[in-house]
N, C-alpha and C. Protein backbone atom coordinates (compact mmCIF):
# COMPACT_ATOMS: atom_id res chain seq x y z
N MET A 1 104.83 134.94 -26.28
CA MET A 1 105.35 136.19 -25.73
C MET A 1 106.72 136.49 -26.35
N GLU A 2 106.93 137.76 -26.71
CA GLU A 2 108.19 138.15 -27.34
C GLU A 2 109.37 137.85 -26.42
N SER A 3 110.47 137.38 -27.01
CA SER A 3 111.63 136.98 -26.22
C SER A 3 112.24 138.14 -25.46
N ASN A 4 112.23 139.35 -26.06
CA ASN A 4 112.82 140.50 -25.36
C ASN A 4 112.01 140.88 -24.14
N LYS A 5 110.68 140.74 -24.24
CA LYS A 5 109.83 141.04 -23.10
C LYS A 5 110.00 139.98 -22.01
N LEU A 6 110.15 138.72 -22.43
CA LEU A 6 110.38 137.65 -21.46
C LEU A 6 111.70 137.88 -20.72
N ASP A 7 112.74 138.26 -21.45
CA ASP A 7 114.03 138.53 -20.81
C ASP A 7 113.91 139.67 -19.80
N LEU A 8 113.15 140.70 -20.16
CA LEU A 8 112.95 141.83 -19.25
C LEU A 8 112.21 141.40 -17.99
N LEU A 9 111.17 140.60 -18.15
CA LEU A 9 110.39 140.13 -17.00
C LEU A 9 111.23 139.23 -16.09
N LYS A 10 112.09 138.41 -16.69
CA LYS A 10 112.98 137.57 -15.89
C LYS A 10 113.94 138.44 -15.08
N GLN A 11 114.42 139.51 -15.69
CA GLN A 11 115.33 140.43 -15.01
C GLN A 11 114.62 141.12 -13.85
N VAL A 12 113.39 141.56 -14.09
CA VAL A 12 112.61 142.22 -13.04
C VAL A 12 112.32 141.24 -11.90
N ALA A 13 111.95 140.02 -12.24
CA ALA A 13 111.64 139.00 -11.23
C ALA A 13 112.85 138.74 -10.35
N ALA A 14 114.03 138.61 -10.97
CA ALA A 14 115.25 138.36 -10.20
C ALA A 14 115.57 139.54 -9.29
N GLY A 15 115.35 140.75 -9.79
CA GLY A 15 115.63 141.93 -8.99
C GLY A 15 114.72 142.05 -7.77
N ILE A 16 113.43 141.78 -7.98
CA ILE A 16 112.47 141.85 -6.86
C ILE A 16 112.81 140.79 -5.81
N ALA A 17 113.12 139.58 -6.27
CA ALA A 17 113.43 138.49 -5.34
C ALA A 17 114.70 138.79 -4.55
N ALA A 18 115.70 139.37 -5.23
CA ALA A 18 116.95 139.71 -4.53
C ALA A 18 116.71 140.81 -3.50
N GLN A 19 115.85 141.75 -3.84
CA GLN A 19 115.57 142.86 -2.92
C GLN A 19 114.89 142.40 -1.64
N PHE A 20 113.93 141.48 -1.76
CA PHE A 20 113.10 141.10 -0.61
C PHE A 20 113.45 139.74 -0.01
N GLY A 21 114.39 139.03 -0.60
CA GLY A 21 114.90 137.83 0.04
C GLY A 21 114.14 136.55 -0.29
N SER A 22 114.53 135.50 0.40
CA SER A 22 114.06 134.16 0.07
C SER A 22 112.58 133.91 0.36
N SER A 23 111.95 134.82 1.10
CA SER A 23 110.51 134.65 1.37
C SER A 23 109.65 135.21 0.25
N CYS A 24 110.28 135.83 -0.73
CA CYS A 24 109.55 136.49 -1.82
C CYS A 24 109.64 135.66 -3.09
N GLU A 25 108.54 135.07 -3.48
CA GLU A 25 108.46 134.32 -4.74
C GLU A 25 107.97 135.25 -5.84
N VAL A 26 108.65 135.21 -6.98
CA VAL A 26 108.23 136.01 -8.13
C VAL A 26 108.07 135.07 -9.32
N VAL A 27 106.90 135.12 -9.96
CA VAL A 27 106.58 134.18 -11.03
C VAL A 27 106.22 134.93 -12.31
N VAL A 28 106.71 134.43 -13.44
CA VAL A 28 106.33 134.97 -14.74
C VAL A 28 105.53 133.90 -15.47
N HIS A 29 104.28 134.26 -15.85
CA HIS A 29 103.41 133.36 -16.59
C HIS A 29 103.31 133.84 -18.04
N ASP A 30 103.47 132.92 -18.97
CA ASP A 30 103.29 133.21 -20.40
C ASP A 30 101.90 132.70 -20.80
N LEU A 31 100.98 133.63 -21.08
CA LEU A 31 99.60 133.24 -21.35
C LEU A 31 99.40 132.66 -22.74
N SER A 32 100.45 132.66 -23.57
CA SER A 32 100.32 132.04 -24.89
C SER A 32 100.50 130.53 -24.80
N ARG A 33 100.94 130.05 -23.65
CA ARG A 33 101.17 128.62 -23.46
C ARG A 33 99.92 127.92 -22.94
N HIS A 34 99.97 126.61 -22.94
CA HIS A 34 98.87 125.80 -22.40
C HIS A 34 98.79 126.05 -20.90
N PRO A 35 97.58 126.10 -20.34
CA PRO A 35 97.42 126.37 -18.90
C PRO A 35 98.22 125.44 -17.99
N ASP A 36 98.59 124.27 -18.49
CA ASP A 36 99.35 123.33 -17.66
C ASP A 36 100.83 123.69 -17.59
N HIS A 37 101.28 124.67 -18.40
CA HIS A 37 102.72 124.96 -18.47
C HIS A 37 102.97 126.46 -18.64
N THR A 38 102.29 127.30 -17.91
CA THR A 38 102.42 128.75 -18.12
C THR A 38 103.66 129.35 -17.46
N ILE A 39 104.21 128.70 -16.45
CA ILE A 39 105.34 129.30 -15.73
C ILE A 39 106.62 129.17 -16.56
N VAL A 40 107.15 130.33 -16.98
CA VAL A 40 108.37 130.35 -17.78
C VAL A 40 109.56 130.88 -16.98
N ALA A 41 109.29 131.45 -15.80
CA ALA A 41 110.38 131.90 -14.92
C ALA A 41 109.83 131.99 -13.50
N ILE A 42 110.67 131.60 -12.54
CA ILE A 42 110.23 131.67 -11.14
C ILE A 42 111.45 131.83 -10.24
N GLU A 43 111.34 132.73 -9.30
CA GLU A 43 112.37 132.95 -8.29
C GLU A 43 111.81 132.52 -6.94
N ASN A 44 112.63 131.81 -6.15
CA ASN A 44 112.21 131.33 -4.82
C ASN A 44 110.95 130.48 -4.89
N GLY A 45 110.97 129.54 -5.83
CA GLY A 45 109.81 128.68 -6.02
C GLY A 45 109.48 127.80 -4.82
N HIS A 46 110.41 127.70 -3.84
CA HIS A 46 110.12 126.90 -2.65
C HIS A 46 108.97 127.47 -1.84
N VAL A 47 108.66 128.76 -2.05
CA VAL A 47 107.57 129.38 -1.29
C VAL A 47 106.25 128.66 -1.57
N SER A 48 105.97 128.41 -2.84
CA SER A 48 104.73 127.71 -3.20
C SER A 48 104.98 126.29 -3.67
N GLY A 49 106.27 125.90 -3.83
CA GLY A 49 106.59 124.56 -4.27
C GLY A 49 106.47 124.36 -5.78
N ARG A 50 106.51 125.48 -6.54
CA ARG A 50 106.38 125.37 -7.99
C ARG A 50 107.73 125.56 -8.69
N LYS A 51 107.74 125.25 -9.99
CA LYS A 51 108.97 125.37 -10.78
C LYS A 51 108.61 125.74 -12.21
N VAL A 52 109.62 126.08 -13.00
CA VAL A 52 109.41 126.38 -14.41
C VAL A 52 108.78 125.17 -15.10
N GLY A 53 107.74 125.44 -15.90
CA GLY A 53 107.03 124.37 -16.59
C GLY A 53 105.75 123.95 -15.91
N ASP A 54 105.57 124.41 -14.65
CA ASP A 54 104.33 124.09 -13.94
C ASP A 54 103.18 124.92 -14.47
N GLY A 55 101.98 124.54 -14.04
CA GLY A 55 100.77 125.15 -14.57
C GLY A 55 100.36 126.44 -13.88
N ALA A 56 99.28 126.96 -14.40
CA ALA A 56 98.78 128.25 -13.95
C ALA A 56 98.05 128.16 -12.62
N SER A 57 98.05 129.29 -11.90
CA SER A 57 97.27 129.40 -10.67
C SER A 57 95.83 129.77 -11.02
N HIS A 58 95.00 129.86 -9.99
CA HIS A 58 93.60 130.21 -10.20
C HIS A 58 93.47 131.58 -10.86
N VAL A 59 94.28 132.54 -10.41
CA VAL A 59 94.21 133.89 -10.97
C VAL A 59 94.56 133.89 -12.45
N VAL A 60 95.59 133.12 -12.81
CA VAL A 60 96.01 133.05 -14.21
C VAL A 60 94.94 132.39 -15.07
N ILE A 61 94.40 131.27 -14.57
CA ILE A 61 93.36 130.56 -15.33
C ILE A 61 92.14 131.45 -15.52
N GLU A 62 91.80 132.19 -14.49
CA GLU A 62 90.65 133.09 -14.57
C GLU A 62 90.86 134.12 -15.68
N GLN A 63 92.06 134.67 -15.78
CA GLN A 63 92.36 135.64 -16.82
C GLN A 63 92.32 135.00 -18.21
N MET A 64 92.83 133.79 -18.31
CA MET A 64 92.86 133.11 -19.60
C MET A 64 91.45 132.76 -20.07
N GLU A 65 90.58 132.42 -19.12
CA GLU A 65 89.20 132.04 -19.48
C GLU A 65 88.35 133.24 -19.82
N THR A 66 88.47 134.31 -19.05
CA THR A 66 87.65 135.50 -19.29
C THR A 66 88.17 136.32 -20.46
N ASN A 67 89.52 136.30 -20.62
CA ASN A 67 90.17 137.05 -21.68
C ASN A 67 89.75 138.53 -21.65
N ASP A 68 89.65 139.07 -20.44
CA ASP A 68 89.29 140.47 -20.28
C ASP A 68 90.36 141.34 -20.93
N PRO A 69 89.99 142.21 -21.88
CA PRO A 69 91.00 143.02 -22.58
C PRO A 69 91.60 144.11 -21.70
N GLU A 70 90.90 144.49 -20.64
CA GLU A 70 91.38 145.56 -19.77
C GLU A 70 91.34 145.14 -18.29
N PRO A 71 92.04 144.08 -17.93
CA PRO A 71 92.02 143.67 -16.52
C PRO A 71 92.80 144.64 -15.66
N LYS A 72 92.36 144.81 -14.45
CA LYS A 72 93.06 145.68 -13.50
C LYS A 72 94.02 144.84 -12.66
N ASP A 73 95.21 145.37 -12.46
CA ASP A 73 96.18 144.67 -11.62
C ASP A 73 95.56 144.40 -10.25
N HIS A 74 95.81 143.22 -9.74
CA HIS A 74 95.27 142.81 -8.43
C HIS A 74 96.42 142.89 -7.42
N LEU A 75 96.40 143.90 -6.56
CA LEU A 75 97.55 144.18 -5.71
C LEU A 75 97.25 143.98 -4.23
N CYS A 76 98.22 143.42 -3.53
CA CYS A 76 98.19 143.31 -2.07
C CYS A 76 96.96 142.58 -1.54
N TYR A 77 96.83 141.32 -1.92
CA TYR A 77 95.76 140.48 -1.38
C TYR A 77 96.39 139.24 -0.76
N LEU A 78 95.64 138.54 0.07
CA LEU A 78 96.17 137.37 0.77
C LEU A 78 95.82 136.08 0.05
N THR A 79 96.80 135.20 -0.01
CA THR A 79 96.58 133.86 -0.56
C THR A 79 97.16 132.83 0.41
N LYS A 80 96.90 131.56 0.13
CA LYS A 80 97.38 130.51 1.03
C LYS A 80 97.85 129.32 0.21
N THR A 81 99.00 128.77 0.56
CA THR A 81 99.54 127.61 -0.16
C THR A 81 98.91 126.33 0.40
N PRO A 82 98.99 125.25 -0.35
CA PRO A 82 98.42 123.97 0.14
C PRO A 82 98.99 123.52 1.48
N ASP A 83 100.26 123.90 1.76
CA ASP A 83 100.85 123.48 3.04
C ASP A 83 100.64 124.50 4.16
N GLY A 84 99.79 125.52 3.88
CA GLY A 84 99.38 126.42 4.95
C GLY A 84 100.09 127.75 5.05
N LYS A 85 101.06 128.02 4.17
CA LYS A 85 101.74 129.32 4.22
C LYS A 85 100.76 130.44 3.84
N ILE A 86 100.85 131.56 4.53
CA ILE A 86 100.04 132.73 4.21
C ILE A 86 100.90 133.68 3.39
N LEU A 87 100.41 134.07 2.22
CA LEU A 87 101.17 134.91 1.31
C LEU A 87 100.46 136.24 1.07
N LYS A 88 101.25 137.29 0.98
CA LYS A 88 100.74 138.58 0.53
C LYS A 88 101.09 138.67 -0.95
N SER A 89 100.08 138.74 -1.79
CA SER A 89 100.30 138.57 -3.23
C SER A 89 99.88 139.79 -4.04
N SER A 90 100.52 139.93 -5.19
CA SER A 90 100.13 140.94 -6.18
C SER A 90 100.25 140.32 -7.57
N THR A 91 99.29 140.64 -8.43
CA THR A 91 99.26 140.13 -9.79
C THR A 91 99.27 141.31 -10.76
N VAL A 92 100.29 141.35 -11.62
CA VAL A 92 100.44 142.46 -12.56
C VAL A 92 100.30 141.90 -13.98
N TYR A 93 99.38 142.48 -14.75
CA TYR A 93 99.13 142.02 -16.11
C TYR A 93 100.04 142.75 -17.10
N ILE A 94 100.73 141.98 -17.94
CA ILE A 94 101.67 142.52 -18.91
C ILE A 94 101.06 142.43 -20.30
N ARG A 95 101.08 143.53 -21.04
CA ARG A 95 100.47 143.57 -22.37
C ARG A 95 101.53 143.53 -23.47
N ASN A 96 101.13 142.97 -24.60
CA ASN A 96 102.03 142.95 -25.75
C ASN A 96 101.90 144.23 -26.56
N SER A 97 102.55 144.28 -27.70
CA SER A 97 102.54 145.50 -28.51
C SER A 97 101.16 145.86 -29.03
N LYS A 98 100.25 144.89 -29.06
CA LYS A 98 98.88 145.16 -29.52
C LYS A 98 97.94 145.50 -28.37
N GLY A 99 98.48 145.55 -27.15
CA GLY A 99 97.66 145.91 -26.00
C GLY A 99 96.94 144.75 -25.36
N LYS A 100 97.20 143.55 -25.81
CA LYS A 100 96.55 142.36 -25.25
C LYS A 100 97.42 141.78 -24.14
N VAL A 101 96.76 141.31 -23.06
CA VAL A 101 97.50 140.69 -21.96
C VAL A 101 98.15 139.41 -22.45
N SER A 102 99.48 139.37 -22.37
CA SER A 102 100.21 138.21 -22.86
C SER A 102 101.01 137.51 -21.76
N ALA A 103 101.13 138.18 -20.62
CA ALA A 103 101.91 137.59 -19.52
C ALA A 103 101.42 138.14 -18.19
N ILE A 104 101.80 137.45 -17.14
CA ILE A 104 101.47 137.89 -15.79
C ILE A 104 102.72 137.82 -14.93
N LEU A 105 102.97 138.89 -14.18
CA LEU A 105 104.04 138.91 -13.20
C LEU A 105 103.38 138.79 -11.83
N ALA A 106 103.65 137.71 -11.11
CA ALA A 106 103.02 137.47 -9.82
C ALA A 106 104.07 137.53 -8.71
N ILE A 107 103.75 138.24 -7.66
CA ILE A 107 104.64 138.37 -6.50
C ILE A 107 103.93 137.80 -5.29
N ASN A 108 104.56 136.85 -4.63
CA ASN A 108 103.97 136.18 -3.46
C ASN A 108 104.97 136.22 -2.31
N TYR A 109 104.66 137.01 -1.31
CA TYR A 109 105.57 137.15 -0.17
C TYR A 109 105.04 136.35 1.02
N ASP A 110 105.85 135.43 1.52
CA ASP A 110 105.45 134.57 2.64
C ASP A 110 105.48 135.38 3.94
N ILE A 111 104.30 135.69 4.47
CA ILE A 111 104.20 136.48 5.70
C ILE A 111 103.80 135.62 6.89
N SER A 112 103.91 134.30 6.76
CA SER A 112 103.47 133.40 7.83
C SER A 112 104.14 133.72 9.17
N LYS A 113 105.46 133.90 9.16
CA LYS A 113 106.19 134.20 10.39
C LYS A 113 105.81 135.57 10.93
N LEU A 114 105.60 136.53 10.02
CA LEU A 114 105.23 137.87 10.45
C LEU A 114 103.85 137.87 11.11
N VAL A 115 102.95 137.05 10.60
CA VAL A 115 101.62 136.94 11.21
C VAL A 115 101.73 136.39 12.62
N MET A 116 102.62 135.41 12.82
CA MET A 116 102.82 134.85 14.15
C MET A 116 103.42 135.89 15.09
N VAL A 117 104.38 136.68 14.58
CA VAL A 117 104.98 137.73 15.40
C VAL A 117 103.94 138.78 15.77
N GLU A 118 103.11 139.16 14.79
CA GLU A 118 102.07 140.15 15.05
C GLU A 118 101.14 139.67 16.16
N SER A 119 100.77 138.41 16.10
CA SER A 119 99.88 137.85 17.11
C SER A 119 100.53 137.87 18.48
N ALA A 120 101.83 137.49 18.53
CA ALA A 120 102.54 137.46 19.80
C ALA A 120 102.70 138.87 20.38
N VAL A 121 103.03 139.83 19.52
CA VAL A 121 103.20 141.21 19.98
C VAL A 121 101.89 141.79 20.47
N ARG A 122 100.80 141.50 19.75
CA ARG A 122 99.49 142.01 20.16
C ARG A 122 99.12 141.49 21.55
N GLU A 123 99.42 140.22 21.80
CA GLU A 123 99.12 139.63 23.10
C GLU A 123 100.01 140.25 24.18
N LEU A 124 101.26 140.55 23.81
CA LEU A 124 102.21 141.08 24.78
C LEU A 124 101.84 142.49 25.22
N ILE A 125 101.37 143.32 24.28
CA ILE A 125 101.10 144.72 24.62
C ILE A 125 99.66 144.96 25.06
N ALA A 126 98.82 143.93 25.01
CA ALA A 126 97.42 144.10 25.39
C ALA A 126 97.31 144.36 26.89
N THR A 127 96.34 145.20 27.29
CA THR A 127 96.06 145.49 28.69
C THR A 127 94.61 145.16 28.98
N PRO A 128 94.29 144.73 30.22
CA PRO A 128 92.92 144.35 30.52
C PRO A 128 91.96 145.53 30.59
N GLU A 129 92.49 146.73 30.79
CA GLU A 129 91.65 147.91 30.88
C GLU A 129 91.85 148.76 29.64
N PRO A 130 90.86 149.61 29.30
CA PRO A 130 91.01 150.48 28.13
C PRO A 130 92.27 151.32 28.24
N GLN A 131 93.03 151.38 27.14
CA GLN A 131 94.29 152.13 27.13
C GLN A 131 94.00 153.63 27.05
N GLN A 132 94.72 154.41 27.82
CA GLN A 132 94.55 155.86 27.77
C GLN A 132 95.02 156.36 26.41
N ALA A 133 94.58 157.57 26.06
CA ALA A 133 94.85 158.12 24.73
C ALA A 133 96.33 158.17 24.43
N GLU A 134 97.15 158.51 25.41
CA GLU A 134 98.59 158.59 25.22
C GLU A 134 99.27 157.82 26.34
N PRO A 135 100.24 156.97 25.99
CA PRO A 135 100.92 156.22 27.05
C PRO A 135 101.50 157.16 28.10
N GLU A 136 101.38 156.74 29.34
CA GLU A 136 101.87 157.58 30.44
C GLU A 136 103.38 157.71 30.38
N LYS A 137 103.85 158.94 30.62
CA LYS A 137 105.29 159.19 30.60
C LYS A 137 105.94 158.63 31.86
N ILE A 138 107.14 158.11 31.70
CA ILE A 138 107.96 157.73 32.84
C ILE A 138 109.04 158.79 32.93
N VAL A 139 108.93 159.68 33.91
CA VAL A 139 109.81 160.83 34.00
C VAL A 139 110.79 160.66 35.15
N ASN A 140 112.07 160.86 34.89
CA ASN A 140 113.09 160.84 35.93
C ASN A 140 112.83 161.98 36.90
N VAL A 141 113.08 161.75 38.19
CA VAL A 141 112.80 162.78 39.19
C VAL A 141 113.54 164.08 38.89
N ASN A 142 114.69 163.99 38.24
CA ASN A 142 115.44 165.18 37.89
C ASN A 142 114.75 166.01 36.82
N ASP A 143 113.89 165.37 36.05
CA ASP A 143 113.17 166.07 34.98
C ASP A 143 111.73 166.37 35.36
N LEU A 144 111.30 165.88 36.50
CA LEU A 144 109.91 166.02 36.90
C LEU A 144 109.49 167.47 37.02
N LEU A 145 110.29 168.28 37.69
CA LEU A 145 109.94 169.69 37.90
C LEU A 145 109.81 170.42 36.57
N GLU A 146 110.77 170.20 35.69
CA GLU A 146 110.73 170.85 34.37
C GLU A 146 109.48 170.44 33.61
N ASP A 147 109.14 169.17 33.71
CA ASP A 147 107.95 168.67 33.01
C ASP A 147 106.68 169.31 33.57
N LEU A 148 106.61 169.45 34.89
CA LEU A 148 105.43 170.07 35.52
C LEU A 148 105.33 171.55 35.16
N ILE A 149 106.47 172.23 35.11
CA ILE A 149 106.46 173.65 34.74
C ILE A 149 105.91 173.82 33.32
N GLN A 150 106.36 172.97 32.41
CA GLN A 150 105.88 173.05 31.03
C GLN A 150 104.38 172.76 30.97
N GLN A 151 103.93 171.83 31.80
CA GLN A 151 102.48 171.55 31.84
C GLN A 151 101.71 172.76 32.35
N SER A 152 102.26 173.45 33.33
CA SER A 152 101.57 174.63 33.89
C SER A 152 101.47 175.74 32.86
N VAL A 153 102.53 175.90 32.06
CA VAL A 153 102.51 176.92 31.01
C VAL A 153 101.48 176.55 29.94
N ALA A 154 101.42 175.26 29.59
CA ALA A 154 100.44 174.81 28.60
C ALA A 154 99.02 175.01 29.12
N LEU A 155 98.84 174.83 30.42
CA LEU A 155 97.52 175.02 31.04
C LEU A 155 97.06 176.46 30.90
N VAL A 156 97.98 177.39 31.13
CA VAL A 156 97.64 178.82 31.01
C VAL A 156 97.44 179.20 29.55
N GLY A 157 98.27 178.64 28.69
CA GLY A 157 98.10 178.88 27.26
C GLY A 157 98.86 180.07 26.72
N LYS A 158 99.84 180.55 27.45
CA LYS A 158 100.65 181.66 26.95
C LYS A 158 102.03 181.60 27.60
N PRO A 159 103.05 182.15 26.95
CA PRO A 159 104.40 182.14 27.54
C PRO A 159 104.46 183.03 28.77
N VAL A 160 105.45 182.77 29.63
CA VAL A 160 105.58 183.51 30.89
C VAL A 160 105.66 185.02 30.64
N ALA A 161 106.33 185.42 29.59
CA ALA A 161 106.51 186.85 29.31
C ALA A 161 105.19 187.57 29.10
N LEU A 162 104.14 186.84 28.73
CA LEU A 162 102.83 187.45 28.49
C LEU A 162 101.83 187.19 29.62
N MET A 163 102.28 186.51 30.68
CA MET A 163 101.37 186.19 31.78
C MET A 163 101.19 187.39 32.71
N ASN A 164 99.93 187.57 33.13
CA ASN A 164 99.67 188.55 34.19
C ASN A 164 99.64 187.82 35.53
N LYS A 165 99.27 188.57 36.59
CA LYS A 165 99.29 187.96 37.92
C LYS A 165 98.36 186.76 38.00
N ASP A 166 97.15 186.89 37.48
CA ASP A 166 96.18 185.80 37.57
C ASP A 166 96.69 184.55 36.85
N ASP A 167 97.37 184.76 35.71
CA ASP A 167 97.93 183.64 34.96
C ASP A 167 98.98 182.91 35.79
N LYS A 168 99.85 183.68 36.43
CA LYS A 168 100.91 183.08 37.22
C LYS A 168 100.36 182.37 38.45
N VAL A 169 99.32 182.95 39.04
CA VAL A 169 98.67 182.29 40.18
C VAL A 169 98.11 180.94 39.75
N LYS A 170 97.47 180.92 38.57
CA LYS A 170 96.89 179.68 38.06
C LYS A 170 97.97 178.63 37.83
N ALA A 171 99.09 179.04 37.25
CA ALA A 171 100.18 178.12 36.96
C ALA A 171 100.80 177.58 38.24
N ILE A 172 101.03 178.45 39.20
CA ILE A 172 101.69 178.04 40.44
C ILE A 172 100.77 177.17 41.28
N GLN A 173 99.49 177.46 41.25
CA GLN A 173 98.55 176.60 41.97
C GLN A 173 98.53 175.19 41.35
N PHE A 174 98.64 175.14 40.04
CA PHE A 174 98.73 173.83 39.37
C PHE A 174 99.97 173.07 39.84
N LEU A 175 101.07 173.77 39.93
CA LEU A 175 102.31 173.14 40.37
C LEU A 175 102.18 172.63 41.81
N ASN A 176 101.55 173.42 42.66
CA ASN A 176 101.37 173.05 44.05
C ASN A 176 100.49 171.80 44.17
N GLN A 177 99.43 171.76 43.37
CA GLN A 177 98.50 170.63 43.41
C GLN A 177 99.15 169.34 42.92
N ASN A 178 100.15 169.46 42.05
CA ASN A 178 100.75 168.28 41.43
C ASN A 178 102.12 167.93 42.02
N GLY A 179 102.40 168.46 43.20
CA GLY A 179 103.58 168.03 43.93
C GLY A 179 104.90 168.61 43.52
N ALA A 180 104.87 169.72 42.76
CA ALA A 180 106.12 170.30 42.30
C ALA A 180 107.00 170.76 43.46
N PHE A 181 106.39 171.23 44.53
CA PHE A 181 107.16 171.79 45.63
C PHE A 181 107.75 170.71 46.55
N LEU A 182 107.47 169.44 46.22
CA LEU A 182 108.10 168.35 46.95
C LEU A 182 109.52 168.08 46.44
N VAL A 183 109.81 168.62 45.23
CA VAL A 183 111.14 168.46 44.66
C VAL A 183 112.10 169.42 45.35
N THR A 184 113.27 168.93 45.72
CA THR A 184 114.27 169.73 46.44
C THR A 184 114.62 171.02 45.68
N LYS A 185 114.59 172.14 46.39
CA LYS A 185 114.95 173.46 45.85
C LYS A 185 114.07 173.90 44.69
N SER A 186 112.85 173.36 44.65
CA SER A 186 111.96 173.72 43.55
C SER A 186 111.48 175.16 43.65
N GLY A 187 111.34 175.68 44.89
CA GLY A 187 110.85 177.05 45.06
C GLY A 187 111.73 178.06 44.36
N ASP A 188 113.05 177.93 44.49
CA ASP A 188 113.97 178.86 43.84
C ASP A 188 113.82 178.82 42.33
N LYS A 189 113.74 177.63 41.78
CA LYS A 189 113.66 177.50 40.33
C LYS A 189 112.34 178.03 39.80
N ILE A 190 111.24 177.73 40.49
CA ILE A 190 109.92 178.18 40.04
C ILE A 190 109.82 179.70 40.11
N ALA A 191 110.30 180.28 41.21
CA ALA A 191 110.27 181.74 41.35
C ALA A 191 111.06 182.41 40.24
N LYS A 192 112.23 181.88 39.96
CA LYS A 192 113.07 182.44 38.89
C LYS A 192 112.40 182.29 37.54
N TYR A 193 111.78 181.15 37.29
CA TYR A 193 111.16 180.88 35.99
C TYR A 193 110.02 181.88 35.72
N PHE A 194 109.23 182.15 36.78
CA PHE A 194 108.08 183.05 36.59
C PHE A 194 108.42 184.52 36.87
N GLY A 195 109.68 184.79 37.20
CA GLY A 195 110.12 186.17 37.39
C GLY A 195 109.52 186.85 38.60
N ILE A 196 109.37 186.09 39.69
CA ILE A 196 108.81 186.65 40.93
C ILE A 196 109.71 186.26 42.09
N SER A 197 109.52 186.95 43.24
CA SER A 197 110.30 186.61 44.43
C SER A 197 109.71 185.37 45.10
N LYS A 198 110.50 184.75 45.97
CA LYS A 198 109.99 183.59 46.70
C LYS A 198 108.84 184.00 47.61
N TYR A 199 108.89 185.22 48.14
CA TYR A 199 107.79 185.70 48.99
C TYR A 199 106.50 185.74 48.17
N THR A 200 106.59 186.30 46.96
CA THR A 200 105.41 186.37 46.08
C THR A 200 104.94 184.97 45.70
N LEU A 201 105.91 184.10 45.44
CA LEU A 201 105.58 182.72 45.08
C LEU A 201 104.72 182.07 46.15
N TYR A 202 105.14 182.15 47.40
CA TYR A 202 104.39 181.49 48.47
C TYR A 202 103.10 182.23 48.79
N SER A 203 103.05 183.52 48.46
CA SER A 203 101.78 184.24 48.65
C SER A 203 100.75 183.76 47.65
N TYR A 204 101.23 183.39 46.42
CA TYR A 204 100.31 182.85 45.42
C TYR A 204 99.77 181.49 45.86
N ILE A 205 100.63 180.71 46.53
CA ILE A 205 100.17 179.42 47.06
C ILE A 205 99.14 179.64 48.15
N ASP A 206 99.38 180.62 49.01
CA ASP A 206 98.45 180.93 50.10
C ASP A 206 97.11 181.38 49.56
N LEU A 207 97.11 182.09 48.41
CA LEU A 207 95.84 182.51 47.81
C LEU A 207 94.98 181.29 47.50
N LYS A 208 95.59 180.24 47.05
CA LYS A 208 94.87 179.01 46.77
C LYS A 208 94.35 178.38 48.05
N GLN A 209 95.21 178.31 49.05
CA GLN A 209 94.84 177.65 50.30
C GLN A 209 93.73 178.41 51.02
N GLU A 210 93.71 179.75 50.86
CA GLU A 210 92.70 180.55 51.56
C GLU A 210 91.44 180.70 50.73
N GLY A 211 91.48 180.18 49.54
CA GLY A 211 90.29 180.24 48.70
C GLY A 211 90.07 181.60 48.13
N LYS A 212 91.07 182.45 48.03
CA LYS A 212 90.91 183.81 47.49
C LYS A 212 90.92 183.80 45.97
C-alpha cells in the first residue's frame, strides 16, 4: 500500500477514534501483507485486544481469499469479541490507483454497556397491559380547564368564530360531561370563550340534560 495512502488512513483512524472515544476501535489493514500481519495501524486496540502486526479478521481473510474486484462496504453489523464484547462494526474497502482493493478500514464500536442499558430501560418502561397510542397527559388543575376547552374545539372541528349554536352546544355538552364545570369559576371563563352569556351557557347544558 502506498505510504501516502497509509498516512491518510492513519489520520482518519485517529480522528474517528478521538471523536467517539475509547469504546471505538479503528483498524487499518494492509492487504498486500501476509494474512498473519495485516494490521498496520490501530486505535483503541483494547476493544478487541489486538495490536499493530497482528493478523487479519474473518472479514479481511474473506476479502483476501475471494479477491472480489468490486466488494461492497459492509456497514453497521454486529460482531462479538472472544471475551464477549458486542461490537457494532463497519468495514470500508480502500482501493489503490488501479482500482484494486489494497486496504481495509474497520470500525468496531463496543456497545456492550449500551445493550445492557437498553435492556434495563425496556424492563423499566414496560407495562403489563397494552400501551395506549399516546401516553396519558398529566395536567395541572390550573391548566385542566384550558385543556378541556381546546379538546371541545377540536371535537367540533372549527374555531369559535365560525361556530353556530349547534356547534357551541356540542362543545359545551362535552365540557359538562368531562367535568369542566367542577373547576372553580369555570362558567365565567367558558361563557366568555364562546361569546355567550352565562344564562345561555347553562341553557345549553339544560338542553343536554333534557335530551333536546
